[in-house]
Amino acid sequence: MIHKLLQHLAWFFLKILISTYRFETVGDEHREAGTKLHPEGGQLIACWHEHMIAFLSAHAHAFPYLAMASRSRDGDYAAFLTKKMGFTPVRGSSRKRGKDKGGKEALELYIQEISRGGRGGITIDGPRGPRHVCKPGIVQIAEKTGAAIVPGTSLAKHYYAFNSWDKFKLPLPFTRIRLAYGEPIIIPKGSSQTEIAVFCRLVEEKIEELEERVKW
């Protein structure tokens, strides 16, 4: 019961915060182009974990983006909040036990939904880092589904930075948030592990270039 109450309190404060933010978008044509590169409109947007609140806020209720969440307590909070923001949580079975917490099943469901035309946003260096290092998951999903990876960022002009591994940033009330997209990246089918590693570095570079271009 206490966790349900905390979830609703978290959403109450987050909803108020989001209502005060002012957004501007750069490169939206790249996001639109990304959907046209997949026969069903599937797409993957890549961003850094530290900008997660700004990024989710900028996309709230715009489209039912897919959001993966584990069957852990933290995952319960993530699923609750993302659903309130208009996203579609993707989770594995609650019957799963051990370290997996339904993660593999959630990933399979996520891949199926992207293949069918779903759009997903992934914090590519999350959930535990290292900071600004792209994990191979998004590239592997793109290779399997044929969906384009669209580099993205969402930079708040004023924020509070936490002393965490990712320097997590909470946008302050009434701040401006600059949402930006880069040119879509297609991952060829059958890419080797070496090629996947190269594409991971490419995604990192494109996000860094994008942030440098639109920083406050």
Protein backbone atom coordinates (compact mmCIF):
# COMPACT_ATOMS: atom_id res chain seq x y z
CA MET A 1 0.00 0.00 0.00
CA ILE A 2 2.78 2.44 0.91
CA HIS A 3 4.44 1.92 -2.48
CA LYS A 4 1.19 2.66 -4.31
CA LEU A 5 0.87 5.87 -2.31
CA LEU A 6 4.46 6.86 -3.12
CA GLN A 7 3.86 6.18 -6.82
CA HIS A 8 0.87 8.53 -6.84
CA LEU A 9 2.80 11.19 -4.90
CA ALA A 10 5.69 10.94 -7.35
CA TRP A 11 3.30 11.38 -10.27
CA PHE A 12 1.57 14.33 -8.56
CA PHE A 13 4.83 16.26 -8.24
CA LEU A 14 6.13 15.20 -11.67
CA LYS A 15 2.88 16.26 -13.35
CA ILE A 16 3.15 19.71 -11.77
CA LEU A 17 6.77 20.01 -12.87
CA ILE A 18 6.00 19.02 -16.46
CA SER A 19 3.21 21.60 -16.66
CA THR A 20 5.76 24.36 -15.98
CA TYR A 21 8.32 23.33 -18.62
CA ARG A 22 8.63 25.12 -21.95
CA PHE A 23 9.86 23.06 -24.90
CA GLU A 24 11.48 23.83 -28.22
CA THR A 25 12.39 21.23 -30.84
CA VAL A 26 15.34 21.04 -33.23
CA GLY A 27 15.60 18.47 -36.04
CA ASP A 28 12.11 16.99 -35.81
CA GLU A 29 12.40 16.13 -39.51
CA HIS A 30 14.98 13.48 -38.55
CA ARG A 31 12.52 11.78 -36.19
CA GLU A 32 9.88 11.80 -38.91
CA ALA A 33 12.38 10.45 -41.44
CA GLY A 34 13.25 7.61 -39.07
CA THR A 35 9.71 6.25 -39.09
CA LYS A 36 9.65 6.24 -42.90
CA LEU A 37 12.70 3.99 -43.06
CA HIS A 38 10.79 1.07 -41.52
CA PRO A 39 7.91 -0.61 -43.41
CA GLU A 40 5.67 -0.46 -40.34
CA GLY A 41 6.97 2.84 -38.94
CA GLY A 42 9.08 1.31 -36.18
CA GLN A 43 11.74 3.51 -34.62
CA LEU A 44 14.27 3.66 -31.76
CA ILE A 45 15.27 6.96 -30.15
CA ALA A 46 18.58 6.95 -28.26
CA CYS A 47 19.43 9.32 -25.42
CA TRP A 48 21.59 9.49 -22.29
CA HIS A 49 20.25 8.30 -18.93
CA GLU A 50 21.00 11.66 -17.26
CA HIS A 51 18.41 13.44 -19.41
CA MET A 52 15.65 10.88 -18.84
CA ILE A 53 13.21 13.20 -17.02
CA ALA A 54 13.59 15.99 -19.58
CA PHE A 55 13.29 13.50 -22.44
CA LEU A 56 10.19 11.77 -21.06
CA SER A 57 8.60 15.12 -20.25
CA ALA A 58 9.16 16.36 -23.80
CA HIS A 59 7.45 13.27 -25.25
CA ALA A 60 4.65 12.91 -22.69
CA HIS A 61 1.28 12.14 -24.32
CA ALA A 62 2.75 12.82 -27.78
CA PHE A 63 2.81 9.16 -28.85
CA PRO A 64 2.49 5.86 -26.89
CA TYR A 65 6.25 5.20 -26.95
CA LEU A 66 7.38 1.84 -25.60
CA ALA A 67 9.25 1.84 -22.29
CA MET A 68 10.86 -1.28 -20.85
CA ALA A 69 10.59 -1.81 -17.10
CA SER A 70 11.76 -4.73 -14.97
CA ARG A 71 9.57 -6.67 -12.53
CA SER A 72 11.47 -5.12 -9.62
CA ARG A 73 10.20 -2.47 -7.20
CA ASP A 74 12.06 0.23 -9.15
CA GLY A 75 10.46 -1.15 -12.30
CA ASP A 76 7.02 -0.77 -10.69
CA TYR A 77 7.66 2.95 -10.21
CA ALA A 78 9.02 3.33 -13.75
CA ALA A 79 6.05 1.49 -15.27
CA PHE A 80 3.53 3.50 -13.25
CA LEU A 81 5.03 6.89 -14.11
CA THR A 82 5.62 6.17 -17.79
CA LYS A 83 2.05 4.90 -18.18
CA LYS A 84 0.75 8.09 -16.55
CA MET A 85 2.81 10.07 -19.08
CA GLY A 86 1.11 8.30 -21.96
CA PHE A 87 3.75 5.66 -22.73
CA THR A 88 3.33 1.90 -23.02
CA PRO A 89 5.31 -0.06 -20.40
CA VAL A 90 6.75 -3.36 -21.63
CA ARG A 91 7.38 -5.86 -18.85
CA GLY A 92 8.10 -9.56 -18.52
CA SER A 93 5.95 -12.04 -16.65
CA SER A 94 5.40 -11.45 -12.93
CA ARG A 95 5.99 -15.17 -12.44
CA LYS A 96 9.70 -14.83 -13.27
CA ARG A 97 12.06 -15.28 -10.36
CA GLY A 98 15.74 -14.57 -9.66
CA LYS A 99 17.93 -11.90 -11.21
CA ASP A 100 16.17 -11.84 -14.57
CA LYS A 101 12.88 -10.37 -13.25
CA GLY A 102 11.28 -11.10 -16.62
CA GLY A 103 13.91 -9.03 -18.45
CA LYS A 104 14.47 -11.46 -21.32
CA GLU A 105 10.76 -11.84 -21.90
CA ALA A 106 10.31 -8.05 -21.81
CA LEU A 107 13.07 -7.66 -24.39
CA GLU A 108 11.37 -10.21 -26.68
CA LEU A 109 8.06 -8.36 -26.36
CA TYR A 110 9.81 -5.05 -27.03
CA ILE A 111 11.40 -6.41 -30.22
CA GLN A 112 8.02 -7.75 -31.39
CA GLU A 113 6.35 -4.38 -30.82
CA ILE A 114 9.09 -2.43 -32.62
CA SER A 115 8.86 -4.87 -35.55
CA ARG A 116 5.12 -4.18 -35.73
CA GLY A 117 5.62 -0.43 -35.94
CA GLY A 118 6.12 0.56 -32.31
CA ARG A 119 8.41 3.41 -31.35
CA GLY A 120 10.74 3.11 -28.42
CA GLY A 121 13.03 5.37 -26.44
CA ILE A 122 16.14 3.87 -24.83
CA THR A 123 18.59 5.40 -22.36
CA ILE A 124 21.57 3.73 -23.99
CA ASP A 125 24.02 4.05 -21.08
CA GLY A 126 21.52 2.96 -18.43
CA PRO A 127 20.58 1.71 -16.01
CA ARG A 128 23.98 1.68 -14.28
CA GLY A 129 26.53 3.04 -16.75
CA PRO A 130 29.29 3.67 -17.53
CA ARG A 131 28.16 7.20 -18.30
CA HIS A 132 27.94 8.11 -22.01
CA VAL A 133 28.88 4.60 -23.14
CA CYS A 134 26.35 3.04 -25.51
CA LYS A 135 25.45 -0.50 -24.53
CA PRO A 136 24.88 -2.86 -27.48
CA GLY A 137 21.18 -3.48 -26.75
CA ILE A 138 19.76 -0.69 -28.91
CA VAL A 139 21.97 -1.61 -31.87
CA GLN A 140 21.03 -5.29 -31.56
CA ILE A 141 17.32 -4.41 -31.43
CA ALA A 142 17.72 -2.17 -34.49
CA GLU A 143 19.53 -4.97 -36.35
CA LYS A 144 16.78 -7.49 -35.52
CA THR A 145 13.82 -5.22 -36.29
CA GLY A 146 15.13 -3.04 -39.12
CA ALA A 147 14.09 0.07 -37.18
CA ALA A 148 16.29 3.15 -37.47
CA ILE A 149 18.12 4.57 -34.46
CA VAL A 150 17.47 8.30 -34.10
CA PRO A 151 20.05 10.02 -31.85
CA GLY A 152 18.31 12.35 -29.43
CA THR A 153 18.83 14.68 -26.53
CA SER A 154 16.72 16.86 -24.28
CA LEU A 155 18.70 19.62 -22.58
CA ALA A 156 17.19 21.69 -19.77
CA LYS A 157 18.53 25.22 -19.44
CA HIS A 158 18.27 25.11 -15.63
CA TYR A 159 18.45 21.88 -13.65
CA TYR A 160 19.60 20.20 -10.45
CA ALA A 161 22.37 17.64 -11.02
CA PHE A 162 22.50 14.71 -8.61
CA ASN A 163 25.76 13.23 -7.37
CA SER A 164 25.13 9.94 -9.16
CA TRP A 165 27.04 7.85 -11.71
CA ASP A 166 25.21 9.58 -14.57
CA LYS A 167 25.05 13.10 -13.06
CA PHE A 168 21.28 12.73 -13.33
CA LYS A 169 19.61 16.05 -14.12
CA LEU A 170 16.21 17.14 -12.82
CA PRO A 171 14.92 20.15 -14.79
CA LEU A 172 13.91 22.98 -12.48
CA PRO A 173 10.38 24.46 -12.57
CA PHE A 174 9.65 26.86 -15.44
CA THR A 175 12.88 26.08 -17.26
CA ARG A 176 13.18 25.78 -21.02
CA ILE A 177 13.99 22.37 -22.46
CA ARG A 178 15.55 21.97 -25.88
CA LEU A 179 14.58 18.67 -27.54
CA ALA A 180 16.79 17.69 -30.49
CA TYR A 181 17.06 14.80 -32.95
CA GLY A 182 19.89 13.73 -35.25
CA GLU A 183 19.89 11.90 -38.57
CA PRO A 184 18.62 8.30 -38.35
CA ILE A 185 21.09 5.42 -38.36
CA ILE A 186 20.26 2.09 -40.04
CA ILE A 187 21.92 -1.11 -38.75
CA PRO A 188 22.38 -3.70 -41.54
CA LYS A 189 20.93 -7.16 -40.98
CA GLY A 190 23.50 -9.75 -40.00
CA SER A 191 25.95 -7.22 -38.51
CA SER A 192 28.79 -8.89 -36.62
CA GLN A 193 29.65 -8.20 -32.98
CA THR A 194 32.57 -6.09 -34.18
CA GLU A 195 30.28 -4.07 -36.44
CA ILE A 196 27.75 -3.66 -33.62
CA ALA A 197 30.52 -2.23 -31.42
CA VAL A 198 31.41 0.24 -34.20
CA PHE A 199 27.76 1.34 -34.49
CA CYS A 200 27.61 1.80 -30.71
CA ARG A 201 30.49 4.27 -30.92
CA LEU A 202 28.79 5.99 -33.86
CA VAL A 203 25.60 6.50 -31.81
CA GLU A 204 27.69 7.93 -28.95
CA GLU A 205 29.44 10.34 -31.30
CA LYS A 206 26.20 11.51 -32.91
CA ILE A 207 24.55 12.26 -29.57
CA GLU A 208 27.63 14.14 -28.38
CA GLU A 209 27.69 16.16 -31.62
CA LEU A 210 23.99 16.86 -31.26
CA GLU A 211 24.38 18.09 -27.68
CA GLU A 212 27.27 20.32 -28.63
CA ARG A 213 25.20 21.82 -31.43
CA VAL A 214 22.14 22.65 -29.32
CA LYS A 215 23.63 23.29 -25.86
CA TRP A 216 22.48 26.36 -23.94
